[in-house]
Amino acid sequence: MAVLLPTGKQAAPVSIGVKLPEELEKAILDVIHTAVHKTAQDIRHADKFPEYMNQRTAAKYLGTSPATLINWEKADIGFPTIYIEGSKHYCKTALDKWMAAQQK
């Protein structure tokens, strides 16, 4: 990270060495490894599905059943559904955003 001085010039980088207890260092590395592995799995999973999906495919993408999607739609909780000429579709990006919002 670059630090700017009040004069507008960039400050010289500073390196600080910190020795963590071996147990803590291992725990941090385990958390990082798990997060990277999960992110890679999520990316591979998402690439298997098209941007716009029918109900069955969207349910599979979300790891649920088509009946659950219908219940979420009826519950009026903002579940993202697209209707095109009477045909129901789901946008992968909108589903991801909606699911993330439900976790908060």
PDB file of N, CA and C in Angstrom:
ATOM      1  N   MET A   1       0.848  -1.171   0.000  1.00  0.00           N
ATOM      2  CA  MET A   1       0.000   0.000   0.000  1.00  0.00           C
ATOM      3  C   MET A   1       0.893   1.234   0.000  1.00  0.00           C
ATOM      4  N   ALA A   2       0.654   2.140  -0.904  1.00  0.00           N
ATOM      5  CA  ALA A   2       1.444   3.364  -0.985  1.00  0.00           C
ATOM      6  C   ALA A   2       0.908   4.383   0.017  1.00  0.00           C
ATOM      7  N   VAL A   3       1.824   5.037   0.720  1.00  0.00           N
ATOM      8  CA  VAL A   3       1.460   6.083   1.670  1.00  0.00           C
ATOM      9  C   VAL A   3       1.962   7.403   1.116  1.00  0.00           C
ATOM     10  N   LEU A   4       1.050   8.379   1.006  1.00  0.00           N
ATOM     11  CA  LEU A   4       1.440   9.694   0.509  1.00  0.00           C
ATOM     12  C   LEU A   4       1.706  10.627   1.677  1.00  0.00           C
ATOM     13  N   LEU A   5       2.798  11.354   1.593  1.00  0.00           N
ATOM     14  CA  LEU A   5       3.147  12.358   2.588  1.00  0.00           C
ATOM     15  C   LEU A   5       2.349  13.622   2.318  1.00  0.00           C
ATOM     16  N   PRO A   6       2.246  14.534   3.312  1.00  0.00           N
ATOM     17  CA  PRO A   6       1.516  15.785   3.085  1.00  0.00           C
ATOM     18  C   PRO A   6       2.029  16.567   1.868  1.00  0.00           C
ATOM     19  N   THR A   7       3.266  16.345   1.481  1.00  0.00           N
ATOM     20  CA  THR A   7       3.824  17.045   0.325  1.00  0.00           C
ATOM     21  C   THR A   7       3.339  16.429  -0.984  1.00  0.00           C
ATOM     22  N   GLY A   8       2.645  15.288  -0.901  1.00  0.00           N
ATOM     23  CA  GLY A   8       2.171  14.614  -2.098  1.00  0.00           C
ATOM     24  C   GLY A   8       3.130  13.565  -2.613  1.00  0.00           C
ATOM     25  N   LYS A   9       4.310  13.476  -1.988  1.00  0.00           N
ATOM     26  CA  LYS A   9       5.293  12.470  -2.397  1.00  0.00           C
ATOM     27  C   LYS A   9       4.988  11.151  -1.706  1.00  0.00           C
ATOM     28  N   GLN A  10       5.387  10.078  -2.372  1.00  0.00           N
ATOM     29  CA  GLN A  10       5.163   8.749  -1.817  1.00  0.00           C
ATOM     30  C   GLN A  10       6.235   8.434  -0.783  1.00  0.00           C
ATOM     31  N   ALA A  11       5.808   7.915   0.363  1.00  0.00           N
ATOM     32  CA  ALA A  11       6.744   7.535   1.420  1.00  0.00           C
ATOM     33  C   ALA A  11       7.440   6.240   1.039  1.00  0.00           C
ATOM     34  N   ALA A  12       8.655   6.061   1.538  1.00  0.00           N
ATOM     35  CA  ALA A  12       9.398   4.823   1.287  1.00  0.00           C
ATOM     36  C   ALA A  12       8.707   3.675   2.012  1.00  0.00           C
ATOM     37  N   PRO A  13       8.648   2.502   1.384  1.00  0.00           N
ATOM     38  CA  PRO A  13       8.001   1.362   2.047  1.00  0.00           C
ATOM     39  C   PRO A  13       8.772   0.937   3.292  1.00  0.00           C
ATOM     40  N   VAL A  14       8.026   0.485   4.275  1.00  0.00           N
ATOM     41  CA  VAL A  14       8.607   0.035   5.538  1.00  0.00           C
ATOM     42  C   VAL A  14       8.184  -1.424   5.732  1.00  0.00           C
ATOM     43  N   SER A  15       9.115  -2.249   6.118  1.00  0.00           N
ATOM     44  CA  SER A  15       8.825  -3.656   6.356  1.00  0.00           C
ATOM     45  C   SER A  15       8.985  -3.938   7.841  1.00  0.00           C
ATOM     46  N   ILE A  16       7.977  -4.601   8.406  1.00  0.00           N
ATOM     47  CA  ILE A  16       8.025  -4.951   9.818  1.00  0.00           C
ATOM     48  C   ILE A  16       7.892  -6.464   9.925  1.00  0.00           C
ATOM     49  N   GLY A  17       8.796  -7.093  10.614  1.00  0.00           N
ATOM     50  CA  GLY A  17       8.739  -8.534  10.806  1.00  0.00           C
ATOM     51  C   GLY A  17       8.054  -8.875  12.116  1.00  0.00           C
ATOM     52  N   VAL A  18       7.087  -9.792  12.053  1.00  0.00           N
ATOM     53  CA  VAL A  18       6.380 -10.218  13.249  1.00  0.00           C
ATOM     54  C   VAL A  18       6.450 -11.735  13.314  1.00  0.00           C
ATOM     55  N   LYS A  19       6.870 -12.255  14.425  1.00  0.00           N
ATOM     56  CA  LYS A  19       6.934 -13.702  14.604  1.00  0.00           C
ATOM     57  C   LYS A  19       5.714 -14.143  15.399  1.00  0.00           C
ATOM     58  N   LEU A  20       4.863 -14.915  14.743  1.00  0.00           N
ATOM     59  CA  LEU A  20       3.667 -15.426  15.403  1.00  0.00           C
ATOM     60  C   LEU A  20       3.959 -16.784  16.013  1.00  0.00           C
ATOM     61  N   PRO A  21       3.241 -17.125  17.064  1.00  0.00           N
ATOM     62  CA  PRO A  21       3.377 -18.484  17.590  1.00  0.00           C
ATOM     63  C   PRO A  21       3.012 -19.483  16.483  1.00  0.00           C
ATOM     64  N   GLU A  22       3.715 -20.604  16.453  1.00  0.00           N
ATOM     65  CA  GLU A  22       3.536 -21.597  15.395  1.00  0.00           C
ATOM     66  C   GLU A  22       2.076 -22.046  15.275  1.00  0.00           C
ATOM     67  N   GLU A  23       1.393 -22.213  16.393  1.00  0.00           N
ATOM     68  CA  GLU A  23      -0.002 -22.652  16.385  1.00  0.00           C
ATOM     69  C   GLU A  23      -0.904 -21.609  15.713  1.00  0.00           C
ATOM     70  N   LEU A  24      -0.679 -20.344  16.002  1.00  0.00           N
ATOM     71  CA  LEU A  24      -1.465 -19.274  15.398  1.00  0.00           C
ATOM     72  C   LEU A  24      -1.182 -19.163  13.902  1.00  0.00           C
ATOM     73  N   GLU A  25       0.091 -19.266  13.533  1.00  0.00           N
ATOM     74  CA  GLU A  25       0.468 -19.213  12.121  1.00  0.00           C
ATOM     75  C   GLU A  25      -0.213 -20.341  11.343  1.00  0.00           C
ATOM     76  N   LYS A  26      -0.232 -21.546  11.906  1.00  0.00           N
ATOM     77  CA  LYS A  26      -0.878 -22.684  11.259  1.00  0.00           C
ATOM     78  C   LYS A  26      -2.380 -22.445  11.132  1.00  0.00           C
ATOM     79  N   ALA A  27      -2.996 -21.905  12.172  1.00  0.00           N
ATOM     80  CA  ALA A  27      -4.436 -21.638  12.138  1.00  0.00           C
ATOM     81  C   ALA A  27      -4.766 -20.620  11.049  1.00  0.00           C
ATOM     82  N   ILE A  28      -3.960 -19.583  10.917  1.00  0.00           N
ATOM     83  CA  ILE A  28      -4.176 -18.563   9.883  1.00  0.00           C
ATOM     84  C   ILE A  28      -4.028 -19.176   8.500  1.00  0.00           C
ATOM     85  N   LEU A  29      -2.999 -19.982   8.305  1.00  0.00           N
ATOM     86  CA  LEU A  29      -2.796 -20.633   7.006  1.00  0.00           C
ATOM     87  C   LEU A  29      -3.948 -21.588   6.669  1.00  0.00           C
ATOM     88  N   ASP A  30      -4.469 -22.284   7.681  1.00  0.00           N
ATOM     89  CA  ASP A  30      -5.614 -23.176   7.461  1.00  0.00           C
ATOM     90  C   ASP A  30      -6.847 -22.391   7.021  1.00  0.00           C
ATOM     91  N   VAL A  31      -7.092 -21.252   7.641  1.00  0.00           N
ATOM     92  CA  VAL A  31      -8.244 -20.422   7.268  1.00  0.00           C
ATOM     93  C   VAL A  31      -8.089 -19.921   5.832  1.00  0.00           C
ATOM     94  N   ILE A  32      -6.888 -19.472   5.491  1.00  0.00           N
ATOM     95  CA  ILE A  32      -6.632 -18.985   4.132  1.00  0.00           C
ATOM     96  C   ILE A  32      -6.810 -20.120   3.129  1.00  0.00           C
ATOM     97  N   HIS A  33      -6.258 -21.275   3.412  1.00  0.00           N
ATOM     98  CA  HIS A  33      -6.379 -22.428   2.512  1.00  0.00           C
ATOM     99  C   HIS A  33      -7.840 -22.804   2.303  1.00  0.00           C
ATOM    100  N   THR A  34      -8.609 -22.853   3.376  1.00  0.00           N
ATOM    101  CA  THR A  34     -10.031 -23.196   3.279  1.00  0.00           C
ATOM    102  C   THR A  34     -10.782 -22.169   2.443  1.00  0.00           C
ATOM    103  N   ALA A  35     -10.514 -20.891   2.650  1.00  0.00           N
ATOM    104  CA  ALA A  35     -11.198 -19.837   1.898  1.00  0.00           C
ATOM    105  C   ALA A  35     -10.859 -19.904   0.415  1.00  0.00           C
ATOM    106  N   VAL A  36      -9.600 -20.126   0.088  1.00  0.00           N
ATOM    107  CA  VAL A  36      -9.186 -20.219  -1.313  1.00  0.00           C
ATOM    108  C   VAL A  36      -9.824 -21.441  -1.962  1.00  0.00           C
ATOM    109  N   HIS A  37      -9.820 -22.567  -1.260  1.00  0.00           N
ATOM    110  CA  HIS A  37     -10.404 -23.802  -1.793  1.00  0.00           C
ATOM    111  C   HIS A  37     -11.905 -23.626  -2.042  1.00  0.00           C
ATOM    112  N   LYS A  38     -12.617 -23.015  -1.086  1.00  0.00           N
ATOM    113  CA  LYS A  38     -14.060 -22.800  -1.245  1.00  0.00           C
ATOM    114  C   LYS A  38     -14.340 -21.850  -2.403  1.00  0.00           C
ATOM    115  N   THR A  39     -13.557 -20.805  -2.540  1.00  0.00           N
ATOM    116  CA  THR A  39     -13.743 -19.862  -3.642  1.00  0.00           C
ATOM    117  C   THR A  39     -13.529 -20.554  -4.982  1.00  0.00           C
ATOM    118  N   ALA A  40     -12.517 -21.381  -5.087  1.00  0.00           N
ATOM    119  CA  ALA A  40     -12.266 -22.119  -6.329  1.00  0.00           C
ATOM    120  C   ALA A  40     -13.419 -23.063  -6.638  1.00  0.00           C
ATOM    121  N   GLN A  41     -13.955 -23.739  -5.627  1.00  0.00           N
ATOM    122  CA  GLN A  41     -15.110 -24.618  -5.826  1.00  0.00           C
ATOM    123  C   GLN A  41     -16.324 -23.822  -6.290  1.00  0.00           C
ATOM    124  N   ASP A  42     -16.555 -22.676  -5.658  1.00  0.00           N
ATOM    125  CA  ASP A  42     -17.699 -21.833  -6.032  1.00  0.00           C
ATOM    126  C   ASP A  42     -17.593 -21.378  -7.481  1.00  0.00           C
ATOM    127  N   ILE A  43     -16.398 -21.025  -7.911  1.00  0.00           N
ATOM    128  CA  ILE A  43     -16.195 -20.573  -9.295  1.00  0.00           C
ATOM    129  C   ILE A  43     -16.465 -21.721 -10.259  1.00  0.00           C
ATOM    130  N   ARG A  44     -15.941 -22.900  -9.955  1.00  0.00           N
ATOM    131  CA  ARG A  44     -16.187 -24.055 -10.830  1.00  0.00           C
ATOM    132  C   ARG A  44     -17.669 -24.395 -10.879  1.00  0.00           C
ATOM    133  N   HIS A  45     -18.352 -24.315  -9.743  1.00  0.00           N
ATOM    134  CA  HIS A  45     -19.781 -24.613  -9.671  1.00  0.00           C
ATOM    135  C   HIS A  45     -20.574 -23.609 -10.504  1.00  0.00           C
ATOM    136  N   ALA A  46     -20.259 -22.331 -10.356  1.00  0.00           N
ATOM    137  CA  ALA A  46     -21.004 -21.280 -11.056  1.00  0.00           C
ATOM    138  C   ALA A  46     -20.824 -21.370 -12.568  1.00  0.00           C
ATOM    139  N   ASP A  47     -19.649 -21.806 -13.014  1.00  0.00           N
ATOM    140  CA  ASP A  47     -19.383 -21.890 -14.453  1.00  0.00           C
ATOM    141  C   ASP A  47     -20.193 -22.979 -15.142  1.00  0.00           C
ATOM    142  N   LYS A  48     -20.756 -23.904 -14.385  1.00  0.00           N
ATOM    143  CA  LYS A  48     -21.535 -24.996 -14.967  1.00  0.00           C
ATOM    144  C   LYS A  48     -22.959 -24.577 -15.315  1.00  0.00           C
ATOM    145  N   PHE A  49     -23.359 -23.385 -14.907  1.00  0.00           N
ATOM    146  CA  PHE A  49     -24.731 -22.944 -15.094  1.00  0.00           C
ATOM    147  C   PHE A  49     -24.785 -21.711 -15.992  1.00  0.00           C
ATOM    148  N   PRO A  50     -25.812 -21.630 -16.846  1.00  0.00           N
ATOM    149  CA  PRO A  50     -25.951 -20.456 -17.720  1.00  0.00           C
ATOM    150  C   PRO A  50     -26.393 -19.230 -16.920  1.00  0.00           C
ATOM    151  N   GLU A  51     -26.258 -18.062 -17.503  1.00  0.00           N
ATOM    152  CA  GLU A  51     -26.659 -16.821 -16.819  1.00  0.00           C
ATOM    153  C   GLU A  51     -28.167 -16.788 -16.562  1.00  0.00           C
ATOM    154  N   TYR A  52     -28.959 -17.301 -17.503  1.00  0.00           N
ATOM    155  CA  TYR A  52     -30.406 -17.340 -17.341  1.00  0.00           C
ATOM    156  C   TYR A  52     -30.860 -18.788 -17.326  1.00  0.00           C
ATOM    157  N   MET A  53     -31.677 -19.147 -16.324  1.00  0.00           N
ATOM    158  CA  MET A  53     -32.033 -20.544 -16.108  1.00  0.00           C
ATOM    159  C   MET A  53     -33.534 -20.727 -15.953  1.00  0.00           C
ATOM    160  N   ASN A  54     -33.984 -21.938 -16.254  1.00  0.00           N
ATOM    161  CA  ASN A  54     -35.375 -22.277 -15.961  1.00  0.00           C
ATOM    162  C   ASN A  54     -35.451 -22.660 -14.481  1.00  0.00           C
ATOM    163  N   GLN A  55     -36.657 -22.981 -14.022  1.00  0.00           N
ATOM    164  CA  GLN A  55     -36.865 -23.244 -12.600  1.00  0.00           C
ATOM    165  C   GLN A  55     -36.067 -24.451 -12.097  1.00  0.00           C
ATOM    166  N   ARG A  56     -36.066 -25.522 -12.849  1.00  0.00           N
ATOM    167  CA  ARG A  56     -35.360 -26.735 -12.419  1.00  0.00           C
ATOM    168  C   ARG A  56     -33.857 -26.480 -12.304  1.00  0.00           C
ATOM    169  N   THR A  57     -33.301 -25.799 -13.299  1.00  0.00           N
ATOM    170  CA  THR A  57     -31.856 -25.521 -13.293  1.00  0.00           C
ATOM    171  C   THR A  57     -31.504 -24.542 -12.180  1.00  0.00           C
ATOM    172  N   ALA A  58     -32.342 -23.529 -11.971  1.00  0.00           N
ATOM    173  CA  ALA A  58     -32.090 -22.555 -10.900  1.00  0.00           C
ATOM    174  C   ALA A  58     -32.136 -23.235  -9.535  1.00  0.00           C
ATOM    175  N   ALA A  59     -33.065 -24.153  -9.352  1.00  0.00           N
ATOM    176  CA  ALA A  59     -33.155 -24.879  -8.080  1.00  0.00           C
ATOM    177  C   ALA A  59     -31.890 -25.703  -7.864  1.00  0.00           C
ATOM    178  N   LYS A  60     -31.434 -26.353  -8.909  1.00  0.00           N
ATOM    179  CA  LYS A  60     -30.201 -27.147  -8.818  1.00  0.00           C
ATOM    180  C   LYS A  60     -29.013 -26.232  -8.493  1.00  0.00           C
ATOM    181  N   TYR A  61     -28.952 -25.077  -9.142  1.00  0.00           N
ATOM    182  CA  TYR A  61     -27.876 -24.106  -8.903  1.00  0.00           C
ATOM    183  C   TYR A  61     -27.846 -23.676  -7.439  1.00  0.00           C
ATOM    184  N   LEU A  62     -29.035 -23.459  -6.860  1.00  0.00           N
ATOM    185  CA  LEU A  62     -29.113 -23.005  -5.472  1.00  0.00           C
ATOM    186  C   LEU A  62     -29.076 -24.151  -4.472  1.00  0.00           C
ATOM    187  N   GLY A  63     -29.100 -25.386  -4.971  1.00  0.00           N
ATOM    188  CA  GLY A  63     -29.057 -26.536  -4.075  1.00  0.00           C
ATOM    189  C   GLY A  63     -30.353 -26.748  -3.331  1.00  0.00           C
ATOM    190  N   THR A  64     -31.466 -26.463  -3.998  1.00  0.00           N
ATOM    191  CA  THR A  64     -32.777 -26.617  -3.374  1.00  0.00           C
ATOM    192  C   THR A  64     -33.733 -27.267  -4.372  1.00  0.00           C
ATOM    193  N   SER A  65     -35.001 -27.283  -4.057  1.00  0.00           N
ATOM    194  CA  SER A  65     -35.981 -27.896  -4.953  1.00  0.00           C
ATOM    195  C   SER A  65     -36.792 -26.818  -5.679  1.00  0.00           C
ATOM    196  N   PRO A  66     -37.388 -27.174  -6.824  1.00  0.00           N
ATOM    197  CA  PRO A  66     -38.271 -26.226  -7.497  1.00  0.00           C
ATOM    198  C   PRO A  66     -39.424 -25.771  -6.588  1.00  0.00           C
ATOM    199  N   ALA A  67     -39.901 -26.667  -5.731  1.00  0.00           N
ATOM    200  CA  ALA A  67     -40.989 -26.299  -4.808  1.00  0.00           C
ATOM    201  C   ALA A  67     -40.549 -25.186  -3.853  1.00  0.00           C
ATOM    202  N   THR A  68     -39.297 -25.228  -3.423  1.00  0.00           N
ATOM    203  CA  THR A  68     -38.786 -24.175  -2.540  1.00  0.00           C
ATOM    204  C   THR A  68     -38.747 -22.837  -3.271  1.00  0.00           C
ATOM    205  N   LEU A  69     -38.344 -22.846  -4.547  1.00  0.00           N
ATOM    206  CA  LEU A  69     -38.351 -21.597  -5.324  1.00  0.00           C
ATOM    207  C   LEU A  69     -39.759 -21.031  -5.394  1.00  0.00           C
ATOM    208  N   ILE A  70     -40.733 -21.886  -5.630  1.00  0.00           N
ATOM    209  CA  ILE A  70     -42.134 -21.438  -5.688  1.00  0.00           C
ATOM    210  C   ILE A  70     -42.549 -20.834  -4.351  1.00  0.00           C
ATOM    211  N   ASN A  71     -42.162 -21.481  -3.254  1.00  0.00           N
ATOM    212  CA  ASN A  71     -42.494 -20.944  -1.924  1.00  0.00           C
ATOM    213  C   ASN A  71     -41.849 -19.585  -1.691  1.00  0.00           C
ATOM    214  N   TRP A  72     -40.600 -19.426  -2.110  1.00  0.00           N
ATOM    215  CA  TRP A  72     -39.916 -18.136  -1.946  1.00  0.00           C
ATOM    216  C   TRP A  72     -40.604 -17.060  -2.772  1.00  0.00           C
ATOM    217  N   GLU A  73     -41.059 -17.411  -3.974  1.00  0.00           N
ATOM    218  CA  GLU A  73     -41.767 -16.442  -4.810  1.00  0.00           C
ATOM    219  C   GLU A  73     -43.079 -16.025  -4.155  1.00  0.00           C
ATOM    220  N   LYS A  74     -43.829 -16.986  -3.634  1.00  0.00           N
ATOM    221  CA  LYS A  74     -45.129 -16.709  -3.001  1.00  0.00           C
ATOM    222  C   LYS A  74     -44.963 -15.928  -1.698  1.00  0.00           C
ATOM    223  N   ALA A  75     -43.819 -16.083  -1.037  1.00  0.00           N
ATOM    224  CA  ALA A  75     -43.588 -15.430   0.259  1.00  0.00           C
ATOM    225  C   ALA A  75     -43.385 -13.927   0.127  1.00  0.00           C
ATOM    226  N   ASP A  76     -43.263 -13.427  -1.095  1.00  0.00           N
ATOM    227  CA  ASP A  76     -43.072 -11.996  -1.343  1.00  0.00           C
ATOM    228  C   ASP A  76     -41.886 -11.442  -0.544  1.00  0.00           C
ATOM    229  N   ILE A  77     -40.740 -12.116  -0.686  1.00  0.00           N
ATOM    230  CA  ILE A  77     -39.520 -11.706   0.031  1.00  0.00           C
ATOM    231  C   ILE A  77     -38.461 -11.183  -0.932  1.00  0.00           C
ATOM    232  N   GLY A  78     -38.912 -10.810  -2.116  1.00  0.00           N
ATOM    233  CA  GLY A  78     -38.000 -10.211  -3.082  1.00  0.00           C
ATOM    234  C   GLY A  78     -37.205 -11.203  -3.895  1.00  0.00           C
ATOM    235  N   PHE A  79     -37.668 -12.462  -3.966  1.00  0.00           N
ATOM    236  CA  PHE A  79     -36.935 -13.467  -4.737  1.00  0.00           C
ATOM    237  C   PHE A  79     -36.958 -13.076  -6.212  1.00  0.00           C
ATOM    238  N   PRO A  80     -35.782 -12.996  -6.847  1.00  0.00           N
ATOM    239  CA  PRO A  80     -35.695 -12.479  -8.223  1.00  0.00           C
ATOM    240  C   PRO A  80     -36.185 -13.473  -9.281  1.00  0.00           C
ATOM    241  N   THR A  81     -37.296 -13.130  -9.895  1.00  0.00           N
ATOM    242  CA  THR A  81     -37.885 -13.956 -10.946  1.00  0.00           C
ATOM    243  C   THR A  81     -38.140 -13.077 -12.158  1.00  0.00           C
ATOM    244  N   ILE A  82     -37.859 -13.597 -13.335  1.00  0.00           N
ATOM    245  CA  ILE A  82     -38.076 -12.870 -14.583  1.00  0.00           C
ATOM    246  C   ILE A  82     -39.150 -13.600 -15.381  1.00  0.00           C
ATOM    247  N   TYR A  83     -40.128 -12.861 -15.865  1.00  0.00           N
ATOM    248  CA  TYR A  83     -41.148 -13.451 -16.732  1.00  0.00           C
ATOM    249  C   TYR A  83     -40.972 -12.897 -18.137  1.00  0.00           C
ATOM    250  N   ILE A  84     -40.838 -13.775 -19.095  1.00  0.00           N
ATOM    251  CA  ILE A  84     -40.736 -13.383 -20.502  1.00  0.00           C
ATOM    252  C   ILE A  84     -41.828 -14.125 -21.252  1.00  0.00           C
ATOM    253  N   GLU A  85     -42.791 -13.367 -21.736  1.00  0.00           N
ATOM    254  CA  GLU A  85     -43.932 -13.930 -22.454  1.00  0.00           C
ATOM    255  C   GLU A  85     -44.555 -15.091 -21.685  1.00  0.00           C
ATOM    256  N   GLY A  86     -44.739 -14.903 -20.384  1.00  0.00           N
ATOM    257  CA  GLY A  86     -45.377 -15.906 -19.549  1.00  0.00           C
ATOM    258  C   GLY A  86     -44.464 -17.027 -19.086  1.00  0.00           C
ATOM    259  N   SER A  87     -43.229 -17.051 -19.559  1.00  0.00           N
ATOM    260  CA  SER A  87     -42.280 -18.090 -19.176  1.00  0.00           C
ATOM    261  C   SER A  87     -41.375 -17.564 -18.060  1.00  0.00           C
ATOM    262  N   LYS A  88     -41.233 -18.364 -17.002  1.00  0.00           N
ATOM    263  CA  LYS A  88     -40.468 -17.959 -15.828  1.00  0.00           C
ATOM    264  C   LYS A  88     -38.985 -18.293 -16.000  1.00  0.00           C
ATOM    265  N   HIS A  89     -38.124 -17.319 -15.677  1.00  0.00           N
ATOM    266  CA  HIS A  89     -36.673 -17.512 -15.768  1.00  0.00           C
ATOM    267  C   HIS A  89     -36.010 -16.897 -14.538  1.00  0.00           C
ATOM    268  N   TYR A  90     -34.749 -17.289 -14.323  1.00  0.00           N
ATOM    269  CA  TYR A  90     -33.980 -16.803 -13.183  1.00  0.00           C
ATOM    270  C   TYR A  90     -32.597 -16.403 -13.663  1.00  0.00           C
ATOM    271  N   CYS A  91     -32.137 -15.247 -13.228  1.00  0.00           N
ATOM    272  CA  CYS A  91     -30.813 -14.733 -13.593  1.00  0.00           C
ATOM    273  C   CYS A  91     -29.812 -15.134 -12.505  1.00  0.00           C
ATOM    274  N   LYS A  92     -28.737 -15.801 -12.905  1.00  0.00           N
ATOM    275  CA  LYS A  92     -27.725 -16.288 -11.957  1.00  0.00           C
ATOM    276  C   LYS A  92     -27.165 -15.146 -11.109  1.00  0.00           C
ATOM    277  N   THR A  93     -26.842 -14.021 -11.726  1.00  0.00           N
ATOM    278  CA  THR A  93     -26.276 -12.880 -10.994  1.00  0.00           C
ATOM    279  C   THR A  93     -27.269 -12.361  -9.956  1.00  0.00           C
ATOM    280  N   ALA A  94     -28.545 -12.249 -10.348  1.00  0.00           N
ATOM    281  CA  ALA A  94     -29.568 -11.774  -9.414  1.00  0.00           C
ATOM    282  C   ALA A  94     -29.763 -12.770  -8.273  1.00  0.00           C
ATOM    283  N   LEU A  95     -29.721 -14.058  -8.583  1.00  0.00           N
ATOM    284  CA  LEU A  95     -29.854 -15.075  -7.533  1.00  0.00           C
ATOM    285  C   LEU A  95     -28.696 -14.988  -6.544  1.00  0.00           C
ATOM    286  N   ASP A  96     -27.481 -14.798  -7.052  1.00  0.00           N
ATOM    287  CA  ASP A  96     -26.308 -14.678  -6.178  1.00  0.00           C
ATOM    288  C   ASP A  96     -26.445 -13.471  -5.254  1.00  0.00           C
ATOM    289  N   LYS A  97     -26.885 -12.353  -5.799  1.00  0.00           N
ATOM    290  CA  LYS A  97     -27.045 -11.141  -4.993  1.00  0.00           C
ATOM    291  C   LYS A  97     -28.116 -11.333  -3.931  1.00  0.00           C
ATOM    292  N   TRP A  98     -29.227 -11.955  -4.327  1.00  0.00           N
ATOM    293  CA  TRP A  98     -30.334 -12.186  -3.386  1.00  0.00           C
ATOM    294  C   TRP A  98     -29.882 -13.110  -2.260  1.00  0.00           C
ATOM    295  N   MET A  99     -29.190 -14.200  -2.615  1.00  0.00           N
ATOM    296  CA  MET A  99     -28.727 -15.145  -1.584  1.00  0.00           C
ATOM    297  C   MET A  99     -27.740 -14.459  -0.632  1.00  0.00           C
ATOM    298  N   ALA A 100     -26.846 -13.639  -1.167  1.00  0.00           N
ATOM    299  CA  ALA A 100     -25.888 -12.935  -0.317  1.00  0.00           C
ATOM    300  C   ALA A 100     -26.614 -11.985   0.642  1.00  0.00           C
ATOM    301  N   ALA A 101     -27.657 -11.330   0.161  1.00  0.00           N
ATOM    302  CA  ALA A 101     -28.419 -10.404   1.007  1.00  0.00           C
ATOM    303  C   ALA A 101     -29.152 -11.148   2.118  1.00  0.00           C
ATOM    304  N   GLN A 102     -29.520 -12.396   1.883  1.00  0.00           N
ATOM    305  CA  GLN A 102     -30.224 -13.172   2.902  1.00  0.00           C
ATOM    306  C   GLN A 102     -29.304 -13.574   4.048  1.00  0.00           C
ATOM    307  N   GLN A 103     -28.010 -13.579   3.810  1.00  0.00           N
ATOM    308  CA  GLN A 103     -27.040 -13.980   4.824  1.00  0.00           C
ATOM    309  C   GLN A 103     -26.752 -12.873   5.833  1.00  0.00           C
ATOM    310  N   LYS A 104     -27.140 -11.655   5.528  1.00  0.00           N
ATOM    311  CA  LYS A 104     -26.812 -10.513   6.390  1.00  0.00           C
ATOM    312  C   LYS A 104     -27.784 -10.370   7.535  1.00  0.00           C
TER     313      LYS A 104
END
